[in-house]
Structure formats: C-alpha cells, structure tokens
Amino acid sequence: MNSVLGEEAEWVLHALIPYEIGGSLDSYYYRSPTSGTAVATKELSLLPHQGPSNDRLTTYELVGFMRGPFAREDVNNPNTPAGIVERRLRSFLNLIARYSEEATLNRFETCAIPTENVDESEYPLVVFDEFARFEIDANTTFGLLAVIEILPTEFEYKQQYGGDALIDLLKQEGVYPFTEPDRTPVV
C-alpha cells in the first residue's frame, strides 16, 4: 500500500470495539506529496479470496483522500478543516465496509451515505474508483477501492454520461481523488 499511497504514518487510530465484532475499523494514514493524506482500511481483506470483491478485484481495501497534511491532533477535531474531512471519511469508510459485506461495489458506481438527521434526498454521495490494483498470482488480485465524495450535479452527470466520464472529469479538474465537501462542483 505504501507504494501507491505514500509513507504510512507512525500511528494508527484503533477502534475501541474491533470491527469483526461490530465496532469500527482501525484507520491507517498515509502521506503523499501528490495525493495529500490517505485514510485506508486494513481489515477487510485479511486472507486471499476472503473479504469484499468486485468485477475486477478478488479482494480490496477502502481508501479515502483529503488534501494537505494531517496531524494526530486533527483526529475527531471539529475545529480544523482536516479534522472535519477526516471524520467524514472515516464515517464513509465504516458504513461502506459493512455494506461491502453484502453488496458488490465496482469502480464508477455511486452510493448514497445514510446520515442521521438528514433527509434522504440530501445524503452525501460517493463514487468508487479502482485506485490501485496488484496482481498476486494468475487468479488473484488485490486492490484499493477509492471512496470519493461527489456533489449532486456531479451525480447527475454520472447518471447521464457514466461513472468513467465522471472520474475523467474529476481528474481533469484536479478534484480526484479528494473528498472536499465544501468545494465547487465540476459541473
């Protein structure tokens, strides 16, 4: 994972209640000069052929990105921009991880994220993309499925032109692969 995400932080945010018994995922942080800070999971694909899979990946872990540096002091800190985005990403990753136990999540697909005290029509939206793919052997692939928050007009664009066109547009506009809830829509 370091080869595509950058240097792993020397600390991990461990969940008090482990994921495998219903708690949250541990969060692993990576720093890259080109892709900001990544928040990744490492508990979904513990063994080959066990864990979430999709049309292209035998197993995968989830990853979300935020711009700029992130410090341990930002964890759960609602007073820093990095803390707000990090908390949002961890929430997304935890909900999507549980969902991936029952559903096949493919690149270019979208998902609405259920949120307390928010009308369903205003749920945050994400698009998935295959951020990295590793060939383990002839029949086994492991990958990183990126979770990228998108805005309602971008979701409409995806519905009309397809997820691959949306990912291309996000890349062209310099938004990919970041979650930035307060940014300007690209369409």
Protein backbone atom coordinates (compact mmCIF):
# COMPACT_ATOMS: atom_id res chain seq x y z
CA MET A 1 0.00 0.00 0.00
CA ASN A 2 2.93 2.32 0.69
CA SER A 3 4.00 2.06 -2.95
CA VAL A 4 0.85 3.88 -4.12
CA LEU A 5 -0.32 5.82 -1.04
CA GLY A 6 2.97 7.17 0.26
CA GLU A 7 4.62 6.92 3.64
CA GLU A 8 2.50 5.34 6.37
CA ALA A 9 2.11 7.46 9.49
CA GLU A 10 3.82 6.16 12.61
CA TRP A 11 0.46 5.94 14.40
CA VAL A 12 -2.88 4.20 13.84
CA LEU A 13 -6.34 5.16 15.05
CA HIS A 14 -7.52 1.93 16.69
CA ALA A 15 -11.18 1.29 17.29
CA LEU A 16 -12.18 0.59 20.89
CA ILE A 17 -14.54 -2.16 19.74
CA PRO A 18 -12.99 -4.26 16.93
CA TYR A 19 -14.61 -4.24 13.50
CA GLU A 20 -15.04 -8.03 13.41
CA ILE A 21 -17.40 -7.91 16.41
CA GLY A 22 -19.42 -4.93 15.21
CA GLY A 23 -17.21 -1.97 16.02
CA SER A 24 -15.40 0.48 13.78
CA LEU A 25 -12.45 -0.07 11.51
CA ASP A 26 -8.93 0.86 12.54
CA SER A 27 -7.75 3.80 10.42
CA TYR A 28 -4.34 3.89 8.76
CA TYR A 29 -2.91 7.17 7.50
CA TYR A 30 -0.54 7.72 4.58
CA ARG A 31 1.20 10.91 3.49
CA SER A 32 1.99 11.58 -0.13
CA PRO A 33 3.25 14.75 -1.77
CA THR A 34 0.99 14.08 -4.79
CA SER A 35 -2.19 12.69 -3.22
CA GLY A 36 -2.40 14.50 0.13
CA THR A 37 -3.34 12.30 3.06
CA ALA A 38 -4.96 8.92 2.58
CA VAL A 39 -7.11 7.17 5.18
CA ALA A 40 -7.16 3.43 4.49
CA THR A 41 -8.60 0.26 5.91
CA LYS A 42 -6.62 -2.94 6.52
CA GLU A 43 -9.26 -5.23 8.00
CA LEU A 44 -11.44 -6.20 5.05
CA SER A 45 -9.07 -8.47 3.09
CA LEU A 46 -7.28 -10.44 5.74
CA LEU A 47 -6.77 -13.52 3.53
CA PRO A 48 -6.81 -14.06 -0.24
CA HIS A 49 -10.34 -14.75 -1.52
CA GLN A 50 -11.88 -13.62 1.78
CA GLY A 51 -13.41 -10.18 2.03
CA PRO A 52 -15.12 -7.82 -0.36
CA SER A 53 -14.63 -8.40 -4.09
CA ASN A 54 -15.92 -6.93 -7.31
CA ASP A 55 -15.79 -7.46 -11.07
CA ARG A 56 -12.05 -6.69 -11.24
CA LEU A 57 -10.61 -7.31 -7.76
CA THR A 58 -10.51 -10.59 -5.86
CA THR A 59 -10.28 -8.58 -2.64
CA TYR A 60 -9.80 -4.95 -1.76
CA GLU A 61 -9.41 -2.40 0.99
CA LEU A 62 -11.07 1.01 1.03
CA VAL A 63 -9.24 4.32 0.85
CA GLY A 64 -10.30 7.96 1.04
CA PHE A 65 -8.22 11.07 0.41
CA MET A 66 -8.01 14.59 1.77
CA ARG A 67 -5.80 17.42 0.63
CA GLY A 68 -2.83 18.59 2.56
CA PRO A 69 -1.19 17.44 5.75
CA PHE A 70 -2.97 15.72 8.58
CA ALA A 71 -1.74 15.50 12.17
CA ARG A 72 -2.79 13.24 15.01
CA GLU A 73 -4.26 16.32 16.72
CA ASP A 74 -6.76 16.62 13.85
CA VAL A 75 -8.43 13.27 14.65
CA ASN A 76 -12.08 13.96 15.50
CA ASN A 77 -11.30 17.67 15.82
CA PRO A 78 -14.35 19.59 14.56
CA ASN A 79 -12.37 22.83 14.77
CA THR A 80 -9.88 22.09 11.98
CA PRO A 81 -10.71 21.61 8.29
CA ALA A 82 -8.58 18.44 8.22
CA GLY A 83 -10.37 17.08 11.30
CA ILE A 84 -13.79 17.65 9.74
CA VAL A 85 -12.89 15.89 6.49
CA GLU A 86 -11.05 13.04 8.26
CA ARG A 87 -14.05 12.34 10.48
CA ARG A 88 -16.32 12.37 7.42
CA LEU A 89 -14.03 9.96 5.54
CA ARG A 90 -13.84 7.53 8.46
CA SER A 91 -17.63 7.57 8.72
CA PHE A 92 -17.93 6.82 4.99
CA LEU A 93 -15.36 4.01 5.13
CA ASN A 94 -17.04 2.34 8.10
CA LEU A 95 -20.52 2.43 6.55
CA ILE A 96 -19.28 1.28 3.14
CA ALA A 97 -17.20 -1.52 4.68
CA ARG A 98 -20.32 -3.04 6.28
CA TYR A 99 -22.24 -2.58 3.05
CA SER A 100 -19.45 -4.28 1.06
CA GLU A 101 -20.02 -7.45 3.09
CA GLU A 102 -23.36 -7.83 1.32
CA ALA A 103 -23.01 -5.89 -1.95
CA THR A 104 -20.59 -5.87 -4.84
CA LEU A 105 -19.08 -2.40 -5.22
CA ASN A 106 -17.48 -1.72 -8.60
CA ARG A 107 -15.46 1.18 -9.88
CA PHE A 108 -17.52 4.00 -11.38
CA GLU A 109 -20.57 3.09 -9.27
CA THR A 110 -22.10 5.55 -6.82
CA CYS A 111 -23.62 5.24 -3.36
CA ALA A 112 -25.61 7.49 -1.05
CA ILE A 113 -24.31 7.53 2.53
CA PRO A 114 -27.09 7.37 5.15
CA THR A 115 -26.67 10.21 7.62
CA GLU A 116 -28.55 10.90 10.87
CA ASN A 117 -30.94 13.85 10.94
CA VAL A 118 -30.63 14.40 7.19
CA ASP A 119 -33.36 13.91 4.62
CA GLU A 120 -32.58 11.02 2.27
CA SER A 121 -32.50 13.41 -0.69
CA GLU A 122 -29.58 15.21 0.97
CA TYR A 123 -27.43 12.19 1.85
CA PRO A 124 -23.76 12.61 0.91
CA LEU A 125 -22.88 10.85 -2.36
CA VAL A 126 -19.72 8.96 -3.27
CA VAL A 127 -18.27 7.40 -6.39
CA PHE A 128 -15.92 4.41 -6.31
CA ASP A 129 -12.77 4.02 -8.35
CA GLU A 130 -10.05 1.42 -8.54
CA PHE A 131 -7.15 3.48 -7.21
CA ALA A 132 -4.64 0.63 -7.31
CA ARG A 133 -4.57 -2.98 -8.47
CA PHE A 134 -1.93 -5.59 -7.60
CA GLU A 135 -1.59 -8.99 -9.30
CA ILE A 136 -0.95 -11.56 -6.56
CA ASP A 137 -0.95 -14.52 -8.93
CA ALA A 138 -2.72 -15.55 -12.16
CA ASN A 139 -6.09 -15.82 -10.39
CA THR A 140 -5.82 -13.32 -7.55
CA THR A 141 -5.85 -9.53 -7.49
CA PHE A 142 -5.83 -7.16 -4.55
CA GLY A 143 -6.72 -3.52 -4.84
CA LEU A 144 -7.59 -0.23 -3.24
CA LEU A 145 -11.11 0.99 -3.91
CA ALA A 146 -11.19 4.77 -3.59
CA VAL A 147 -14.24 6.39 -1.99
CA ILE A 148 -14.62 9.92 -3.38
CA GLU A 149 -17.36 12.28 -2.27
CA ILE A 150 -19.24 13.88 -5.16
CA LEU A 151 -21.83 16.62 -5.33
CA PRO A 152 -25.45 16.30 -6.60
CA THR A 153 -24.77 17.86 -10.03
CA GLU A 154 -21.81 15.51 -10.45
CA PHE A 155 -24.07 12.57 -9.59
CA GLU A 156 -26.49 13.74 -12.30
CA TYR A 157 -23.56 13.96 -14.74
CA LYS A 158 -22.60 10.38 -13.83
CA GLN A 159 -26.17 9.22 -14.44
CA GLN A 160 -26.14 10.81 -17.89
CA TYR A 161 -22.58 10.11 -19.08
CA GLY A 162 -21.36 7.25 -16.89
CA GLY A 163 -19.02 6.85 -13.95
CA ASP A 164 -15.92 6.62 -16.11
CA ALA A 165 -16.72 10.03 -17.64
CA LEU A 166 -17.22 11.49 -14.15
CA ILE A 167 -13.88 10.13 -12.90
CA ASP A 168 -12.18 11.57 -16.01
CA LEU A 169 -13.78 14.96 -15.34
CA LEU A 170 -12.78 14.92 -11.66
CA LYS A 171 -9.19 14.19 -12.75
CA GLN A 172 -9.23 16.96 -15.37
CA GLU A 173 -10.47 19.47 -12.80
CA GLY A 174 -7.89 18.43 -10.16
CA VAL A 175 -10.54 17.19 -7.72
CA TYR A 176 -9.72 13.47 -7.97
CA PRO A 177 -9.31 11.58 -5.60
CA PHE A 178 -10.13 14.04 -2.82
CA THR A 179 -13.15 14.38 -0.57
CA GLU A 180 -13.86 18.08 -0.14
CA PRO A 181 -17.47 18.61 0.94
CA ASP A 182 -17.37 22.41 0.56
CA ARG A 183 -15.80 22.61 -2.89
CA THR A 184 -17.37 24.00 -6.05
CA PRO A 185 -18.98 21.34 -8.31
CA VAL A 186 -17.08 20.49 -11.50
CA VAL A 187 -20.39 20.52 -13.48
